[in-house]
C-alpha atoms as a PDB file:
ATOM      1  CA  MET A   1       0.000   0.000   0.000  1.00  0.00           C
ATOM      2  CA  ALA A   2       1.340   3.407  -0.963  1.00  0.00           C
ATOM      3  CA  THR A   3       1.561   6.191   1.602  1.00  0.00           C
ATOM      4  CA  GLU A   4      -1.609   8.269   1.645  1.00  0.00           C
ATOM      5  CA  VAL A   5      -2.047  11.722   3.157  1.00  0.00           C
ATOM      6  CA  GLU A   6      -5.315  13.282   4.308  1.00  0.00           C
ATOM      7  CA  PHE A   7      -5.933  16.259   6.606  1.00  0.00           C
ATOM      8  CA  THR A   8      -8.017  16.548   9.754  1.00  0.00           C
ATOM      9  CA  ARG A   9      -8.272  18.698  12.897  1.00  0.00           C
ATOM     10  CA  MET A  10      -8.446  18.063  16.606  1.00  0.00           C
ATOM     11  CA  SER A  11     -11.728  18.991  18.311  1.00  0.00           C
ATOM     12  CA  SER A  12     -11.978  20.981  21.546  1.00  0.00           C
ATOM     13  CA  LYS A  13     -12.368  17.600  23.317  1.00  0.00           C
ATOM     14  CA  GLY A  14      -9.106  16.299  21.849  1.00  0.00           C
ATOM     15  CA  GLN A  15     -10.842  14.032  19.348  1.00  0.00           C
ATOM     16  CA  ILE A  16      -9.400  13.477  15.902  1.00  0.00           C
ATOM     17  CA  VAL A  17     -11.436  11.946  13.099  1.00  0.00           C
ATOM     18  CA  ILE A  18      -9.506   9.606  10.834  1.00  0.00           C
ATOM     19  CA  PRO A  19     -10.636  10.470   7.297  1.00  0.00           C
ATOM     20  CA  LYS A  20     -12.913   7.843   5.744  1.00  0.00           C
ATOM     21  CA  LYS A  21     -10.446   7.038   2.961  1.00  0.00           C
ATOM     22  CA  LEU A  22      -7.794   6.108   5.553  1.00  0.00           C
ATOM     23  CA  ARG A  23     -10.225   4.110   7.737  1.00  0.00           C
ATOM     24  CA  GLU A  24     -10.970   1.632   4.955  1.00  0.00           C
ATOM     25  CA  GLY A  25      -9.956  -1.883   5.963  1.00  0.00           C
ATOM     26  CA  PHE A  26     -10.309  -1.218   9.697  1.00  0.00           C
ATOM     27  CA  GLU A  27     -13.418  -2.393  11.546  1.00  0.00           C
ATOM     28  CA  GLU A  28     -15.191  -0.571  14.356  1.00  0.00           C
ATOM     29  CA  GLY A  29     -13.540  -1.484  17.641  1.00  0.00           C
ATOM     30  CA  THR A  30     -10.103  -2.093  16.089  1.00  0.00           C
ATOM     31  CA  PRO A  31      -7.531  -1.528  18.869  1.00  0.00           C
ATOM     32  CA  PHE A  32      -4.678   0.917  18.248  1.00  0.00           C
ATOM     33  CA  ALA A  33      -1.572   1.939  20.141  1.00  0.00           C
ATOM     34  CA  VAL A  34      -1.076   5.718  20.154  1.00  0.00           C
ATOM     35  CA  VAL A  35       2.537   6.873  20.290  1.00  0.00           C
ATOM     36  CA  ARG A  36       3.692  10.469  20.623  1.00  0.00           C
ATOM     37  CA  ASP A  37       7.201  11.633  19.777  1.00  0.00           C
ATOM     38  CA  LYS A  38       7.465  15.430  20.065  1.00  0.00           C
ATOM     39  CA  ASP A  39       5.201  16.790  17.290  1.00  0.00           C
ATOM     40  CA  THR A  40       4.337  13.399  15.768  1.00  0.00           C
ATOM     41  CA  ILE A  41       1.493  11.098  16.754  1.00  0.00           C
ATOM     42  CA  LEU A  42       1.477   7.589  15.324  1.00  0.00           C
ATOM     43  CA  LEU A  43      -1.437   5.136  15.338  1.00  0.00           C
ATOM     44  CA  LYS A  44      -0.478   1.481  15.084  1.00  0.00           C
ATOM     45  CA  GLN A  45      -3.052  -1.274  14.867  1.00  0.00           C
ATOM     46  CA  ILE A  46      -2.680  -3.812  17.644  1.00  0.00           C
ATOM     47  CA  LYS A  47      -3.168  -7.355  16.480  1.00  0.00           C
ATOM     48  CA  LEU A  48      -4.361  -9.357  19.448  1.00  0.00           C
ATOM     49  CA  PRO A  49      -3.164 -12.950  19.705  1.00  0.00           C
ATOM     50  CA  GLY A  50      -5.509 -15.728  18.652  1.00  0.00           C
ATOM     51  CA  ILE A  51      -6.589 -18.621  20.883  1.00  0.00           C
ATOM     52  CA  LYS A  52      -3.577 -20.817  20.062  1.00  0.00           C
ATOM     53  CA  GLU A  53      -1.128 -17.956  20.635  1.00  0.00           C
ATOM     54  CA  SER A  54      -2.861 -17.055  23.915  1.00  0.00           C
ATOM     55  CA  GLU A  55      -2.741 -20.656  25.115  1.00  0.00           C
ATOM     56  CA  ALA A  56       0.968 -20.840  24.243  1.00  0.00           C
ATOM     57  CA  LEU A  57       1.619 -17.633  26.237  1.00  0.00           C
ATOM     58  CA  VAL A  58      -0.266 -19.027  29.235  1.00  0.00           C
ATOM     59  CA  GLU A  59       1.680 -22.297  29.065  1.00  0.00           C
ATOM     60  CA  LYS A  60       4.936 -20.341  28.917  1.00  0.00           C
ATOM     61  CA  GLY A  61       3.875 -18.231  31.924  1.00  0.00           C
ATOM     62  CA  VAL A  62       2.920 -21.317  33.928  1.00  0.00           C
ATOM     63  CA  LYS A  63       6.274 -22.932  33.119  1.00  0.00           C
ATOM     64  CA  ILE A  64       8.233 -19.838  34.182  1.00  0.00           C
ATOM     65  CA  ALA A  65       6.173 -19.515  37.376  1.00  0.00           C
ATOM     66  CA  LYS A  66       6.885 -23.153  38.300  1.00  0.00           C
ATOM     67  CA  GLU A  67      10.604 -22.698  37.602  1.00  0.00           C
ATOM     68  CA  ARG A  68      10.678 -19.651  39.893  1.00  0.00           C
ATOM     69  CA  GLY A  69       8.511 -21.204  42.609  1.00  0.00           C
ATOM     70  CA  ILE A  70       5.674 -18.691  42.118  1.00  0.00           C
ATOM     71  CA  LYS A  71       2.321 -19.994  43.325  1.00  0.00           C
ATOM     72  CA  GLU A  72      -1.065 -18.828  42.060  1.00  0.00           C
ATOM     73  CA  ASN A  73      -1.817 -16.921  45.274  1.00  0.00           C
ATOM     74  CA  ASP A  74       1.519 -15.046  44.918  1.00  0.00           C
ATOM     75  CA  VAL A  75       0.434 -13.398  41.664  1.00  0.00           C
ATOM     76  CA  ASP A  76      -1.833 -10.737  43.242  1.00  0.00           C
ATOM     77  CA  LYS A  77       0.916  -9.821  45.703  1.00  0.00           C
ATOM     78  CA  ILE A  78       3.447  -9.454  42.884  1.00  0.00           C
ATOM     79  CA  ILE A  79       1.083  -7.306  40.795  1.00  0.00           C
ATOM     80  CA  HIS A  80       0.192  -5.071  43.744  1.00  0.00           C
ATOM     81  CA  LYS A  81       3.867  -4.674  44.675  1.00  0.00           C
ATOM     82  CA  HIS A  82       4.768  -3.483  41.176  1.00  0.00           C
ATOM     83  CA  ARG A  83       1.771  -1.126  41.087  1.00  0.00           C
ATOM     84  CA  GLY A  84       2.731   0.293  44.488  1.00  0.00           C
ATOM     85  CA  ILE A  85      -0.489  -0.859  46.163  1.00  0.00           C
ATOM     86  CA  THR A  86      -0.486  -2.250  49.698  1.00  0.00           C
ATOM     87  CA  ILE A  87      -2.944  -4.986  50.514  1.00  0.00           C
END
């Protein structure tokens, strides 16, 4: 696909409409990462993993947890510690 350029403006609420021509091929609800670097904002479609990929990630996480001696009830404590929340 060739690079295409369209113009738009930001609303008073900070909303930016992606011109229809550039939205083609994306469905409603498509997740995007929004990255800002100085005066540039980049939208990048996030492709979520499918069932098989998700299951493989879970299996990998379970394996690593077992290797490190992390039990299921330790997970909340670890998450809260990294978020700076005391329970």
